[in-house]
Amino acid sequence: MSFLTDRKRAAGMGAAKTGTGNFWGMTISSVALLALVPLFIFMIGPLFSQDYATVSLSLAKPFPALVCLLTLTVGMLHFKSGVIVLIDDYVHGLARKIWIVIMTCVSYVIIAITVFAIARIAL
C-alpha cells in the first residue's frame, strides 16, 4: 500500500524519466544551430566554387574552422537525438536496439571524420 498521492507519483519526468532531458537537449541544439547555420552558409558557401588551395587557406583561419566544426558537430548530435526519438516511436523489439546503436555509431563516426578533416586542414 502506497501513501503517495496521484500528484506525487506523477511529479517525476514521465514514465521513462528521460523525456524532459531529451526535450531540453533538442531545444538547446536547435537554438545553437539557429545561430550556427547562417554563419556556416555565409562563410563556407562562397568556397564551393573555389579550388583546394583557397578553401584550405580560408579554413586555416581559426574562426571559419571553429564555425564549421561546431556546426557539423552540433548538427550531428541534434540528428542523433532526433533519430533516436524517431526509432523509439516507430521501430519495436530487437530491431529498435540495433538501429539505435547503428545510428549512434554513424553520428559519432561522422563527428570524428569532421574533427579529423578540419584539424588536418586547419593545422
PDB file of N, CA and C in Angstrom:
ATOM      1  N   MET A   1       0.841  -1.170   0.000  1.00  0.00           N
ATOM      2  CA  MET A   1       0.000   0.000   0.000  1.00  0.00           C
ATOM      3  C   MET A   1       0.891   1.239   0.000  1.00  0.00           C
ATOM      4  N   SER A   2       0.609   2.138  -0.900  1.00  0.00           N
ATOM      5  CA  SER A   2       1.419   3.333  -1.027  1.00  0.00           C
ATOM      6  C   SER A   2       0.687   4.532  -0.442  1.00  0.00           C
ATOM      7  N   PHE A   3       1.427   5.397   0.232  1.00  0.00           N
ATOM      8  CA  PHE A   3       0.850   6.596   0.809  1.00  0.00           C
ATOM      9  C   PHE A   3       1.059   7.822  -0.079  1.00  0.00           C
ATOM     10  N   LEU A   4       1.543   7.608  -1.302  1.00  0.00           N
ATOM     11  CA  LEU A   4       1.759   8.720  -2.223  1.00  0.00           C
ATOM     12  C   LEU A   4       0.451   9.092  -2.916  1.00  0.00           C
ATOM     13  N   THR A   5       0.235  10.354  -3.098  1.00  0.00           N
ATOM     14  CA  THR A   5      -0.935  10.805  -3.842  1.00  0.00           C
ATOM     15  C   THR A   5      -0.640  10.675  -5.337  1.00  0.00           C
ATOM     16  N   ASP A   6      -1.691  10.798  -6.143  1.00  0.00           N
ATOM     17  CA  ASP A   6      -1.514  10.716  -7.596  1.00  0.00           C
ATOM     18  C   ASP A   6      -0.590  11.811  -8.101  1.00  0.00           C
ATOM     19  N   ARG A   7      -0.719  12.998  -7.543  1.00  0.00           N
ATOM     20  CA  ARG A   7       0.138  14.108  -7.961  1.00  0.00           C
ATOM     21  C   ARG A   7       1.591  13.836  -7.613  1.00  0.00           C
ATOM     22  N   LYS A   8       1.842  13.262  -6.448  1.00  0.00           N
ATOM     23  CA  LYS A   8       3.205  12.979  -6.013  1.00  0.00           C
ATOM     24  C   LYS A   8       3.833  11.890  -6.901  1.00  0.00           C
ATOM     25  N   ARG A   9       3.051  10.904  -7.303  1.00  0.00           N
ATOM     26  CA  ARG A   9       3.565   9.860  -8.191  1.00  0.00           C
ATOM     27  C   ARG A   9       3.855  10.410  -9.585  1.00  0.00           C
ATOM     28  N   ALA A  10       3.097  11.388 -10.036  1.00  0.00           N
ATOM     29  CA  ALA A  10       3.257  11.952 -11.373  1.00  0.00           C
ATOM     30  C   ALA A  10       4.287  13.072 -11.420  1.00  0.00           C
ATOM     31  N   ALA A  11       4.898  13.409 -10.296  1.00  0.00           N
ATOM     32  CA  ALA A  11       5.818  14.534 -10.244  1.00  0.00           C
ATOM     33  C   ALA A  11       7.168  14.247 -10.890  1.00  0.00           C
ATOM     34  N   GLY A  12       7.422  13.004 -11.275  1.00  0.00           N
ATOM     35  CA  GLY A  12       8.679  12.673 -11.941  1.00  0.00           C
ATOM     36  C   GLY A  12       8.699  13.228 -13.353  1.00  0.00           C
ATOM     37  N   MET A  13       9.630  12.765 -14.155  1.00  0.00           N
ATOM     38  CA  MET A  13       9.774  13.285 -15.512  1.00  0.00           C
ATOM     39  C   MET A  13       9.076  12.398 -16.538  1.00  0.00           C
ATOM     40  N   GLY A  14       8.019  11.743 -16.167  1.00  0.00           N
ATOM     41  CA  GLY A  14       7.316  10.880 -17.103  1.00  0.00           C
ATOM     42  C   GLY A  14       7.672   9.425 -16.861  1.00  0.00           C
ATOM     43  N   ALA A  15       7.107   8.544 -17.671  1.00  0.00           N
ATOM     44  CA  ALA A  15       7.287   7.119 -17.476  1.00  0.00           C
ATOM     45  C   ALA A  15       8.731   6.677 -17.701  1.00  0.00           C
ATOM     46  N   ALA A  16       9.393   7.266 -18.685  1.00  0.00           N
ATOM     47  CA  ALA A  16      10.761   6.852 -18.995  1.00  0.00           C
ATOM     48  C   ALA A  16      11.796   7.616 -18.185  1.00  0.00           C
ATOM     49  N   LYS A  17      11.413   8.688 -17.515  1.00  0.00           N
ATOM     50  CA  LYS A  17      12.283   9.526 -16.698  1.00  0.00           C
ATOM     51  C   LYS A  17      13.361  10.243 -17.518  1.00  0.00           C
ATOM     52  N   THR A  18      13.228  10.313 -18.841  1.00  0.00           N
ATOM     53  CA  THR A  18      14.230  10.984 -19.663  1.00  0.00           C
ATOM     54  C   THR A  18      13.631  11.952 -20.666  1.00  0.00           C
ATOM     55  N   GLY A  19      12.345  12.065 -20.750  1.00  0.00           N
ATOM     56  CA  GLY A  19      11.721  12.902 -21.772  1.00  0.00           C
ATOM     57  C   GLY A  19      12.073  14.375 -21.667  1.00  0.00           C
ATOM     58  N   THR A  20      12.113  14.891 -20.465  1.00  0.00           N
ATOM     59  CA  THR A  20      12.412  16.308 -20.293  1.00  0.00           C
ATOM     60  C   THR A  20      13.846  16.628 -20.686  1.00  0.00           C
ATOM     61  N   GLY A  21      14.776  15.785 -20.292  1.00  0.00           N
ATOM     62  CA  GLY A  21      16.177  15.996 -20.656  1.00  0.00           C
ATOM     63  C   GLY A  21      16.382  15.957 -22.160  1.00  0.00           C
ATOM     64  N   ASN A  22      15.721  15.025 -22.823  1.00  0.00           N
ATOM     65  CA  ASN A  22      15.821  14.928 -24.283  1.00  0.00           C
ATOM     66  C   ASN A  22      15.216  16.165 -24.943  1.00  0.00           C
ATOM     67  N   PHE A  23      14.083  16.621 -24.433  1.00  0.00           N
ATOM     68  CA  PHE A  23      13.441  17.818 -24.974  1.00  0.00           C
ATOM     69  C   PHE A  23      14.354  19.031 -24.862  1.00  0.00           C
ATOM     70  N   TRP A  24      14.961  19.228 -23.686  1.00  0.00           N
ATOM     71  CA  TRP A  24      15.829  20.391 -23.499  1.00  0.00           C
ATOM     72  C   TRP A  24      17.099  20.280 -24.330  1.00  0.00           C
ATOM     73  N   GLY A  25      17.630  19.075 -24.464  1.00  0.00           N
ATOM     74  CA  GLY A  25      18.806  18.885 -25.317  1.00  0.00           C
ATOM     75  C   GLY A  25      18.514  19.242 -26.761  1.00  0.00           C
ATOM     76  N   MET A  26      17.362  18.813 -27.268  1.00  0.00           N
ATOM     77  CA  MET A  26      16.972  19.137 -28.640  1.00  0.00           C
ATOM     78  C   MET A  26      16.710  20.641 -28.786  1.00  0.00           C
ATOM     79  N   THR A  27      16.100  21.252 -27.773  1.00  0.00           N
ATOM     80  CA  THR A  27      15.821  22.680 -27.836  1.00  0.00           C
ATOM     81  C   THR A  27      17.104  23.504 -27.848  1.00  0.00           C
ATOM     82  N   ILE A  28      18.040  23.149 -26.991  1.00  0.00           N
ATOM     83  CA  ILE A  28      19.311  23.887 -26.933  1.00  0.00           C
ATOM     84  C   ILE A  28      20.105  23.709 -28.219  1.00  0.00           C
ATOM     85  N   SER A  29      20.145  22.483 -28.750  1.00  0.00           N
ATOM     86  CA  SER A  29      20.877  22.282 -30.002  1.00  0.00           C
ATOM     87  C   SER A  29      20.178  22.984 -31.165  1.00  0.00           C
ATOM     88  N   SER A  30      18.859  23.083 -31.126  1.00  0.00           N
ATOM     89  CA  SER A  30      18.141  23.814 -32.172  1.00  0.00           C
ATOM     90  C   SER A  30      18.483  25.292 -32.147  1.00  0.00           C
ATOM     91  N   VAL A  31      18.528  25.871 -30.966  1.00  0.00           N
ATOM     92  CA  VAL A  31      18.876  27.293 -30.845  1.00  0.00           C
ATOM     93  C   VAL A  31      20.319  27.518 -31.281  1.00  0.00           C
ATOM     94  N   ALA A  32      21.210  26.618 -30.891  1.00  0.00           N
ATOM     95  CA  ALA A  32      22.609  26.746 -31.314  1.00  0.00           C
ATOM     96  C   ALA A  32      22.720  26.661 -32.838  1.00  0.00           C
ATOM     97  N   LEU A  33      21.983  25.732 -33.443  1.00  0.00           N
ATOM     98  CA  LEU A  33      22.012  25.605 -34.900  1.00  0.00           C
ATOM     99  C   LEU A  33      21.373  26.810 -35.581  1.00  0.00           C
ATOM    100  N   LEU A  34      20.430  27.437 -34.914  1.00  0.00           N
ATOM    101  CA  LEU A  34      19.806  28.639 -35.466  1.00  0.00           C
ATOM    102  C   LEU A  34      20.832  29.748 -35.664  1.00  0.00           C
ATOM    103  N   ALA A  35      21.815  29.818 -34.804  1.00  0.00           N
ATOM    104  CA  ALA A  35      22.879  30.813 -34.956  1.00  0.00           C
ATOM    105  C   ALA A  35      24.012  30.306 -35.841  1.00  0.00           C
ATOM    106  N   LEU A  36      24.322  29.012 -35.746  1.00  0.00           N
ATOM    107  CA  LEU A  36      25.488  28.470 -36.448  1.00  0.00           C
ATOM    108  C   LEU A  36      25.270  28.262 -37.945  1.00  0.00           C
ATOM    109  N   VAL A  37      24.086  27.828 -38.337  1.00  0.00           N
ATOM    110  CA  VAL A  37      23.858  27.508 -39.752  1.00  0.00           C
ATOM    111  C   VAL A  37      23.989  28.732 -40.664  1.00  0.00           C
ATOM    112  N   PRO A  38      23.410  29.894 -40.330  1.00  0.00           N
ATOM    113  CA  PRO A  38      23.653  31.055 -41.201  1.00  0.00           C
ATOM    114  C   PRO A  38      25.125  31.444 -41.282  1.00  0.00           C
ATOM    115  N   LEU A  39      25.840  31.379 -40.150  1.00  0.00           N
ATOM    116  CA  LEU A  39      27.271  31.654 -40.179  1.00  0.00           C
ATOM    117  C   LEU A  39      27.994  30.675 -41.099  1.00  0.00           C
ATOM    118  N   PHE A  40      27.630  29.407 -40.983  1.00  0.00           N
ATOM    119  CA  PHE A  40      28.239  28.362 -41.810  1.00  0.00           C
ATOM    120  C   PHE A  40      27.971  28.622 -43.287  1.00  0.00           C
ATOM    121  N   ILE A  41      26.740  28.970 -43.609  1.00  0.00           N
ATOM    122  CA  ILE A  41      26.377  29.199 -45.016  1.00  0.00           C
ATOM    123  C   ILE A  41      27.125  30.401 -45.578  1.00  0.00           C
ATOM    124  N   PHE A  42      27.185  31.490 -44.822  1.00  0.00           N
ATOM    125  CA  PHE A  42      27.849  32.691 -45.332  1.00  0.00           C
ATOM    126  C   PHE A  42      29.368  32.576 -45.363  1.00  0.00           C
ATOM    127  N   MET A  43      29.938  31.714 -44.525  1.00  0.00           N
ATOM    128  CA  MET A  43      31.393  31.571 -44.521  1.00  0.00           C
ATOM    129  C   MET A  43      31.877  30.466 -45.459  1.00  0.00           C
ATOM    130  N   ILE A  44      31.138  29.371 -45.536  1.00  0.00           N
ATOM    131  CA  ILE A  44      31.580  28.224 -46.321  1.00  0.00           C
ATOM    132  C   ILE A  44      30.941  28.225 -47.710  1.00  0.00           C
ATOM    133  N   GLY A  45      29.766  28.796 -47.855  1.00  0.00           N
ATOM    134  CA  GLY A  45      29.067  28.818 -49.140  1.00  0.00           C
ATOM    135  C   GLY A  45      29.879  29.382 -50.285  1.00  0.00           C
ATOM    136  N   PRO A  46      30.523  30.534 -50.137  1.00  0.00           N
ATOM    137  CA  PRO A  46      31.315  31.081 -51.241  1.00  0.00           C
ATOM    138  C   PRO A  46      32.532  30.226 -51.613  1.00  0.00           C
ATOM    139  N   LEU A  47      32.912  29.307 -50.752  1.00  0.00           N
ATOM    140  CA  LEU A  47      34.089  28.480 -51.028  1.00  0.00           C
ATOM    141  C   LEU A  47      33.787  27.288 -51.936  1.00  0.00           C
ATOM    142  N   PHE A  48      32.507  27.048 -52.245  1.00  0.00           N
ATOM    143  CA  PHE A  48      32.156  25.885 -53.059  1.00  0.00           C
ATOM    144  C   PHE A  48      32.737  25.950 -54.468  1.00  0.00           C
ATOM    145  N   SER A  49      32.878  27.134 -55.023  1.00  0.00           N
ATOM    146  CA  SER A  49      33.376  27.253 -56.395  1.00  0.00           C
ATOM    147  C   SER A  49      34.886  27.497 -56.445  1.00  0.00           C
ATOM    148  N   GLN A  50      35.554  27.442 -55.292  1.00  0.00           N
ATOM    149  CA  GLN A  50      36.979  27.729 -55.235  1.00  0.00           C
ATOM    150  C   GLN A  50      37.806  26.442 -55.332  1.00  0.00           C
ATOM    151  N   ASP A  51      39.085  26.614 -55.575  1.00  0.00           N
ATOM    152  CA  ASP A  51      39.973  25.456 -55.635  1.00  0.00           C
ATOM    153  C   ASP A  51      40.416  25.067 -54.213  1.00  0.00           C
ATOM    154  N   TYR A  52      41.118  23.942 -54.142  1.00  0.00           N
ATOM    155  CA  TYR A  52      41.513  23.385 -52.837  1.00  0.00           C
ATOM    156  C   TYR A  52      42.394  24.347 -52.045  1.00  0.00           C
ATOM    157  N   ALA A  53      43.314  25.014 -52.698  1.00  0.00           N
ATOM    158  CA  ALA A  53      44.236  25.910 -52.003  1.00  0.00           C
ATOM    159  C   ALA A  53      43.489  27.064 -51.329  1.00  0.00           C
ATOM    160  N   THR A  54      42.507  27.618 -52.010  1.00  0.00           N
ATOM    161  CA  THR A  54      41.734  28.722 -51.445  1.00  0.00           C
ATOM    162  C   THR A  54      40.894  28.256 -50.260  1.00  0.00           C
ATOM    163  N   VAL A  55      40.265  27.102 -50.405  1.00  0.00           N
ATOM    164  CA  VAL A  55      39.443  26.560 -49.321  1.00  0.00           C
ATOM    165  C   VAL A  55      40.314  26.242 -48.114  1.00  0.00           C
ATOM    166  N   SER A  56      41.450  25.630 -48.355  1.00  0.00           N
ATOM    167  CA  SER A  56      42.341  25.282 -47.257  1.00  0.00           C
ATOM    168  C   SER A  56      42.901  26.516 -46.576  1.00  0.00           C
ATOM    169  N   LEU A  57      43.199  27.548 -47.332  1.00  0.00           N
ATOM    170  CA  LEU A  57      43.680  28.803 -46.752  1.00  0.00           C
ATOM    171  C   LEU A  57      42.588  29.468 -45.909  1.00  0.00           C
ATOM    172  N   SER A  58      41.360  29.404 -46.381  1.00  0.00           N
ATOM    173  CA  SER A  58      40.247  30.007 -45.643  1.00  0.00           C
ATOM    174  C   SER A  58      39.959  29.234 -44.352  1.00  0.00           C
ATOM    175  N   LEU A  59      39.977  27.903 -44.420  1.00  0.00           N
ATOM    176  CA  LEU A  59      39.693  27.098 -43.227  1.00  0.00           C
ATOM    177  C   LEU A  59      40.879  27.029 -42.278  1.00  0.00           C
ATOM    178  N   ALA A  60      42.029  27.524 -42.694  1.00  0.00           N
ATOM    179  CA  ALA A  60      43.181  27.563 -41.799  1.00  0.00           C
ATOM    180  C   ALA A  60      43.041  28.676 -40.758  1.00  0.00           C
ATOM    181  N   LYS A  61      42.145  29.611 -41.015  1.00  0.00           N
ATOM    182  CA  LYS A  61      41.863  30.659 -40.025  1.00  0.00           C
ATOM    183  C   LYS A  61      41.014  30.056 -38.909  1.00  0.00           C
ATOM    184  N   PRO A  62      41.215  30.496 -37.660  1.00  0.00           N
ATOM    185  CA  PRO A  62      40.517  29.849 -36.550  1.00  0.00           C
ATOM    186  C   PRO A  62      38.999  30.014 -36.556  1.00  0.00           C
ATOM    187  N   PHE A  63      38.489  31.186 -36.882  1.00  0.00           N
ATOM    188  CA  PHE A  63      37.036  31.398 -36.775  1.00  0.00           C
ATOM    189  C   PHE A  63      36.240  30.561 -37.784  1.00  0.00           C
ATOM    190  N   PRO A  64      36.598  30.552 -39.084  1.00  0.00           N
ATOM    191  CA  PRO A  64      35.844  29.692 -40.009  1.00  0.00           C
ATOM    192  C   PRO A  64      35.962  28.212 -39.665  1.00  0.00           C
ATOM    193  N   ALA A  65      37.138  27.789 -39.208  1.00  0.00           N
ATOM    194  CA  ALA A  65      37.305  26.384 -38.838  1.00  0.00           C
ATOM    195  C   ALA A  65      36.434  26.042 -37.631  1.00  0.00           C
ATOM    196  N   LEU A  66      36.376  26.946 -36.655  1.00  0.00           N
ATOM    197  CA  LEU A  66      35.560  26.712 -35.462  1.00  0.00           C
ATOM    198  C   LEU A  66      34.071  26.696 -35.800  1.00  0.00           C
ATOM    199  N   VAL A  67      33.646  27.618 -36.655  1.00  0.00           N
ATOM    200  CA  VAL A  67      32.231  27.647 -37.056  1.00  0.00           C
ATOM    201  C   VAL A  67      31.865  26.364 -37.791  1.00  0.00           C
ATOM    202  N   CYS A  68      32.720  25.923 -38.684  1.00  0.00           N
ATOM    203  CA  CYS A  68      32.475  24.689 -39.435  1.00  0.00           C
ATOM    204  C   CYS A  68      32.423  23.488 -38.493  1.00  0.00           C
ATOM    205  N   LEU A  69      33.367  23.415 -37.601  1.00  0.00           N
ATOM    206  CA  LEU A  69      33.437  22.304 -36.658  1.00  0.00           C
ATOM    207  C   LEU A  69      32.221  22.286 -35.732  1.00  0.00           C
ATOM    208  N   LEU A  70      31.866  23.435 -35.167  1.00  0.00           N
ATOM    209  CA  LEU A  70      30.715  23.497 -34.263  1.00  0.00           C
ATOM    210  C   LEU A  70      29.410  23.191 -34.988  1.00  0.00           C
ATOM    211  N   THR A  71      29.249  23.713 -36.192  1.00  0.00           N
ATOM    212  CA  THR A  71      28.004  23.476 -36.931  1.00  0.00           C
ATOM    213  C   THR A  71      27.823  21.999 -37.214  1.00  0.00           C
ATOM    214  N   LEU A  72      28.853  21.360 -37.708  1.00  0.00           N
ATOM    215  CA  LEU A  72      28.721  19.946 -38.056  1.00  0.00           C
ATOM    216  C   LEU A  72      28.606  19.062 -36.815  1.00  0.00           C
ATOM    217  N   THR A  73      29.305  19.406 -35.737  1.00  0.00           N
ATOM    218  CA  THR A  73      29.213  18.605 -34.519  1.00  0.00           C
ATOM    219  C   THR A  73      27.847  18.750 -33.857  1.00  0.00           C
ATOM    220  N   VAL A  74      27.400  19.981 -33.672  1.00  0.00           N
ATOM    221  CA  VAL A  74      26.083  20.194 -33.051  1.00  0.00           C
ATOM    222  C   VAL A  74      24.982  19.636 -33.947  1.00  0.00           C
ATOM    223  N   GLY A  75      25.138  19.780 -35.249  1.00  0.00           N
ATOM    224  CA  GLY A  75      24.154  19.220 -36.181  1.00  0.00           C
ATOM    225  C   GLY A  75      24.053  17.708 -36.083  1.00  0.00           C
ATOM    226  N   MET A  76      25.188  17.037 -35.970  1.00  0.00           N
ATOM    227  CA  MET A  76      25.146  15.577 -35.865  1.00  0.00           C
ATOM    228  C   MET A  76      24.612  15.118 -34.511  1.00  0.00           C
ATOM    229  N   LEU A  77      24.910  15.843 -33.442  1.00  0.00           N
ATOM    230  CA  LEU A  77      24.340  15.483 -32.141  1.00  0.00           C
ATOM    231  C   LEU A  77      22.825  15.705 -32.133  1.00  0.00           C
ATOM    232  N   HIS A  78      22.378  16.771 -32.796  1.00  0.00           N
ATOM    233  CA  HIS A  78      20.946  17.022 -32.933  1.00  0.00           C
ATOM    234  C   HIS A  78      20.291  15.909 -33.764  1.00  0.00           C
ATOM    235  N   PHE A  79      20.973  15.515 -34.842  1.00  0.00           N
ATOM    236  CA  PHE A  79      20.489  14.414 -35.669  1.00  0.00           C
ATOM    237  C   PHE A  79      20.368  13.130 -34.859  1.00  0.00           C
ATOM    238  N   LYS A  80      21.392  12.834 -34.057  1.00  0.00           N
ATOM    239  CA  LYS A  80      21.389  11.613 -33.255  1.00  0.00           C
ATOM    240  C   LYS A  80      20.210  11.588 -32.289  1.00  0.00           C
ATOM    241  N   SER A  81      19.975  12.690 -31.602  1.00  0.00           N
ATOM    242  CA  SER A  81      18.855  12.746 -30.661  1.00  0.00           C
ATOM    243  C   SER A  81      17.521  12.593 -31.379  1.00  0.00           C
ATOM    244  N   GLY A  82      17.391  13.261 -32.523  1.00  0.00           N
ATOM    245  CA  GLY A  82      16.136  13.175 -33.269  1.00  0.00           C
ATOM    246  C   GLY A  82      15.877  11.800 -33.836  1.00  0.00           C
ATOM    247  N   VAL A  83      16.911  11.172 -34.368  1.00  0.00           N
ATOM    248  CA  VAL A  83      16.708   9.857 -34.976  1.00  0.00           C
ATOM    249  C   VAL A  83      16.447   8.792 -33.909  1.00  0.00           C
ATOM    250  N   ILE A  84      16.996   8.974 -32.712  1.00  0.00           N
ATOM    251  CA  ILE A  84      16.704   8.028 -31.631  1.00  0.00           C
ATOM    252  C   ILE A  84      15.241   8.137 -31.213  1.00  0.00           C
ATOM    253  N   VAL A  85      14.721   9.341 -31.143  1.00  0.00           N
ATOM    254  CA  VAL A  85      13.293   9.516 -30.830  1.00  0.00           C
ATOM    255  C   VAL A  85      12.441   8.883 -31.928  1.00  0.00           C
ATOM    256  N   LEU A  86      12.821   9.094 -33.164  1.00  0.00           N
ATOM    257  CA  LEU A  86      12.090   8.514 -34.295  1.00  0.00           C
ATOM    258  C   LEU A  86      12.111   6.994 -34.231  1.00  0.00           C
ATOM    259  N   ILE A  87      13.267   6.408 -33.966  1.00  0.00           N
ATOM    260  CA  ILE A  87      13.375   4.952 -33.877  1.00  0.00           C
ATOM    261  C   ILE A  87      12.568   4.434 -32.697  1.00  0.00           C
ATOM    262  N   ASP A  88      12.625   5.124 -31.560  1.00  0.00           N
ATOM    263  CA  ASP A  88      11.835   4.700 -30.400  1.00  0.00           C
ATOM    264  C   ASP A  88      10.339   4.679 -30.705  1.00  0.00           C
ATOM    265  N   ASP A  89       9.882   5.626 -31.522  1.00  0.00           N
ATOM    266  CA  ASP A  89       8.460   5.711 -31.824  1.00  0.00           C
ATOM    267  C   ASP A  89       7.989   4.667 -32.834  1.00  0.00           C
ATOM    268  N   TYR A  90       8.828   4.318 -33.807  1.00  0.00           N
ATOM    269  CA  TYR A  90       8.339   3.534 -34.936  1.00  0.00           C
ATOM    270  C   TYR A  90       8.957   2.158 -35.097  1.00  0.00           C
ATOM    271  N   VAL A  91      10.009   1.828 -34.381  1.00  0.00           N
ATOM    272  CA  VAL A  91      10.633   0.513 -34.508  1.00  0.00           C
ATOM    273  C   VAL A  91      10.523  -0.195 -33.171  1.00  0.00           C
ATOM    274  N   HIS A  92      10.229  -1.486 -33.205  1.00  0.00           N
ATOM    275  CA  HIS A  92       9.998  -2.225 -31.963  1.00  0.00           C
ATOM    276  C   HIS A  92      10.880  -3.464 -31.894  1.00  0.00           C
ATOM    277  N   GLY A  93      11.061  -3.967 -30.686  1.00  0.00           N
ATOM    278  CA  GLY A  93      11.799  -5.196 -30.466  1.00  0.00           C
ATOM    279  C   GLY A  93      13.303  -5.012 -30.574  1.00  0.00           C
ATOM    280  N   LEU A  94      13.967  -6.087 -30.977  1.00  0.00           N
ATOM    281  CA  LEU A  94      15.414  -6.088 -31.096  1.00  0.00           C
ATOM    282  C   LEU A  94      15.898  -5.130 -32.179  1.00  0.00           C
ATOM    283  N   ALA A  95      15.103  -4.973 -33.233  1.00  0.00           N
ATOM    284  CA  ALA A  95      15.489  -4.065 -34.324  1.00  0.00           C
ATOM    285  C   ALA A  95      15.653  -2.634 -33.807  1.00  0.00           C
ATOM    286  N   ARG A  96      14.847  -2.252 -32.829  1.00  0.00           N
ATOM    287  CA  ARG A  96      14.964  -0.910 -32.255  1.00  0.00           C
ATOM    288  C   ARG A  96      16.333  -0.694 -31.634  1.00  0.00           C
ATOM    289  N   LYS A  97      16.767  -1.654 -30.838  1.00  0.00           N
ATOM    290  CA  LYS A  97      18.076  -1.535 -30.190  1.00  0.00           C
ATOM    291  C   LYS A  97      19.202  -1.529 -31.221  1.00  0.00           C
ATOM    292  N   ILE A  98      19.088  -2.371 -32.222  1.00  0.00           N
ATOM    293  CA  ILE A  98      20.123  -2.445 -33.259  1.00  0.00           C
ATOM    294  C   ILE A  98      20.207  -1.127 -34.018  1.00  0.00           C
ATOM    295  N   TRP A  99      19.060  -0.567 -34.414  1.00  0.00           N
ATOM    296  CA  TRP A  99      19.075   0.691 -35.160  1.00  0.00           C
ATOM    297  C   TRP A  99      19.583   1.861 -34.323  1.00  0.00           C
ATOM    298  N   ILE A 100      19.266   1.859 -33.042  1.00  0.00           N
ATOM    299  CA  ILE A 100      19.768   2.930 -32.175  1.00  0.00           C
ATOM    300  C   ILE A 100      21.292   2.860 -32.087  1.00  0.00           C
ATOM    301  N   VAL A 101      21.832   1.662 -31.922  1.00  0.00           N
ATOM    302  CA  VAL A 101      23.290   1.507 -31.862  1.00  0.00           C
ATOM    303  C   VAL A 101      23.921   1.909 -33.190  1.00  0.00           C
ATOM    304  N   ILE A 102      23.331   1.487 -34.296  1.00  0.00           N
ATOM    305  CA  ILE A 102      23.881   1.816 -35.619  1.00  0.00           C
ATOM    306  C   ILE A 102      23.877   3.320 -35.844  1.00  0.00           C
ATOM    307  N   MET A 103      22.758   3.975 -35.573  1.00  0.00           N
ATOM    308  CA  MET A 103      22.671   5.412 -35.835  1.00  0.00           C
ATOM    309  C   MET A 103      23.536   6.229 -34.872  1.00  0.00           C
ATOM    310  N   THR A 104      23.693   5.761 -33.642  1.00  0.00           N
ATOM    311  CA  THR A 104      24.593   6.438 -32.714  1.00  0.00           C
ATOM    312  C   THR A 104      26.030   6.322 -33.212  1.00  0.00           C
ATOM    313  N   CYS A 105      26.412   5.129 -33.647  1.00  0.00           N
ATOM    314  CA  CYS A 105      27.770   4.933 -34.181  1.00  0.00           C
ATOM    315  C   CYS A 105      27.990   5.766 -35.437  1.00  0.00           C
ATOM    316  N   VAL A 106      27.005   5.810 -36.329  1.00  0.00           N
ATOM    317  CA  VAL A 106      27.134   6.596 -37.568  1.00  0.00           C
ATOM    318  C   VAL A 106      27.332   8.074 -37.231  1.00  0.00           C
ATOM    319  N   SER A 107      26.559   8.593 -36.293  1.00  0.00           N
ATOM    320  CA  SER A 107      26.687  10.018 -35.975  1.00  0.00           C
ATOM    321  C   SER A 107      28.042  10.323 -35.342  1.00  0.00           C
ATOM    322  N   TYR A 108      28.530   9.467 -34.459  1.00  0.00           N
ATOM    323  CA  TYR A 108      29.835   9.718 -33.858  1.00  0.00           C
ATOM    324  C   TYR A 108      30.981   9.521 -34.845  1.00  0.00           C
ATOM    325  N   VAL A 109      30.829   8.605 -35.783  1.00  0.00           N
ATOM    326  CA  VAL A 109      31.856   8.435 -36.822  1.00  0.00           C
ATOM    327  C   VAL A 109      31.910   9.681 -37.709  1.00  0.00           C
ATOM    328  N   ILE A 110      30.762  10.228 -38.055  1.00  0.00           N
ATOM    329  CA  ILE A 110      30.744  11.449 -38.867  1.00  0.00           C
ATOM    330  C   ILE A 110      31.365  12.612 -38.098  1.00  0.00           C
ATOM    331  N   ILE A 111      31.096  12.704 -36.796  1.00  0.00           N
ATOM    332  CA  ILE A 111      31.724  13.751 -35.981  1.00  0.00           C
ATOM    333  C   ILE A 111      33.237  13.565 -35.957  1.00  0.00           C
ATOM    334  N   ALA A 112      33.700  12.339 -35.791  1.00  0.00           N
ATOM    335  CA  ALA A 112      35.142  12.076 -35.752  1.00  0.00           C
ATOM    336  C   ALA A 112      35.797  12.422 -37.084  1.00  0.00           C
ATOM    337  N   ILE A 113      35.149  12.062 -38.191  1.00  0.00           N
ATOM    338  CA  ILE A 113      35.686  12.387 -39.514  1.00  0.00           C
ATOM    339  C   ILE A 113      35.737  13.898 -39.703  1.00  0.00           C
ATOM    340  N   THR A 114      34.713  14.588 -39.244  1.00  0.00           N
ATOM    341  CA  THR A 114      34.678  16.053 -39.351  1.00  0.00           C
ATOM    342  C   THR A 114      35.807  16.696 -38.561  1.00  0.00           C
ATOM    343  N   VAL A 115      35.984  16.260 -37.328  1.00  0.00           N
ATOM    344  CA  VAL A 115      37.043  16.816 -36.481  1.00  0.00           C
ATOM    345  C   VAL A 115      38.415  16.549 -37.126  1.00  0.00           C
ATOM    346  N   PHE A 116      38.622  15.322 -37.603  1.00  0.00           N
ATOM    347  CA  PHE A 116      39.905  14.991 -38.223  1.00  0.00           C
ATOM    348  C   PHE A 116      40.145  15.822 -39.477  1.00  0.00           C
ATOM    349  N   ALA A 117      39.122  15.950 -40.316  1.00  0.00           N
ATOM    350  CA  ALA A 117      39.296  16.689 -41.575  1.00  0.00           C
ATOM    351  C   ALA A 117      39.572  18.164 -41.334  1.00  0.00           C
ATOM    352  N   ILE A 118      38.833  18.779 -40.421  1.00  0.00           N
ATOM    353  CA  ILE A 118      39.043  20.205 -40.170  1.00  0.00           C
ATOM    354  C   ILE A 118      40.376  20.424 -39.456  1.00  0.00           C
ATOM    355  N   ALA A 119      40.751  19.536 -38.555  1.00  0.00           N
ATOM    356  CA  ALA A 119      42.047  19.673 -37.895  1.00  0.00           C
ATOM    357  C   ALA A 119      43.185  19.502 -38.902  1.00  0.00           C
ATOM    358  N   ARG A 120      43.002  18.590 -39.823  1.00  0.00           N
ATOM    359  CA  ARG A 120      44.029  18.363 -40.848  1.00  0.00           C
ATOM    360  C   ARG A 120      44.188  19.584 -41.751  1.00  0.00           C
ATOM    361  N   ILE A 121      43.070  20.205 -42.122  1.00  0.00           N
ATOM    362  CA  ILE A 121      43.122  21.382 -42.985  1.00  0.00           C
ATOM    363  C   ILE A 121      43.611  22.597 -42.197  1.00  0.00           C
ATOM    364  N   ALA A 122      43.109  22.765 -40.974  1.00  0.00           N
ATOM    365  CA  ALA A 122      43.407  23.969 -40.205  1.00  0.00           C
ATOM    366  C   ALA A 122      44.821  23.985 -39.632  1.00  0.00           C
ATOM    367  N   LEU A 123      45.387  22.836 -39.394  1.00  0.00           N
ATOM    368  CA  LEU A 123      46.714  22.815 -38.751  1.00  0.00           C
ATOM    369  C   LEU A 123      47.826  22.589 -39.735  1.00  0.00           C
TER     370      LEU A 123
END
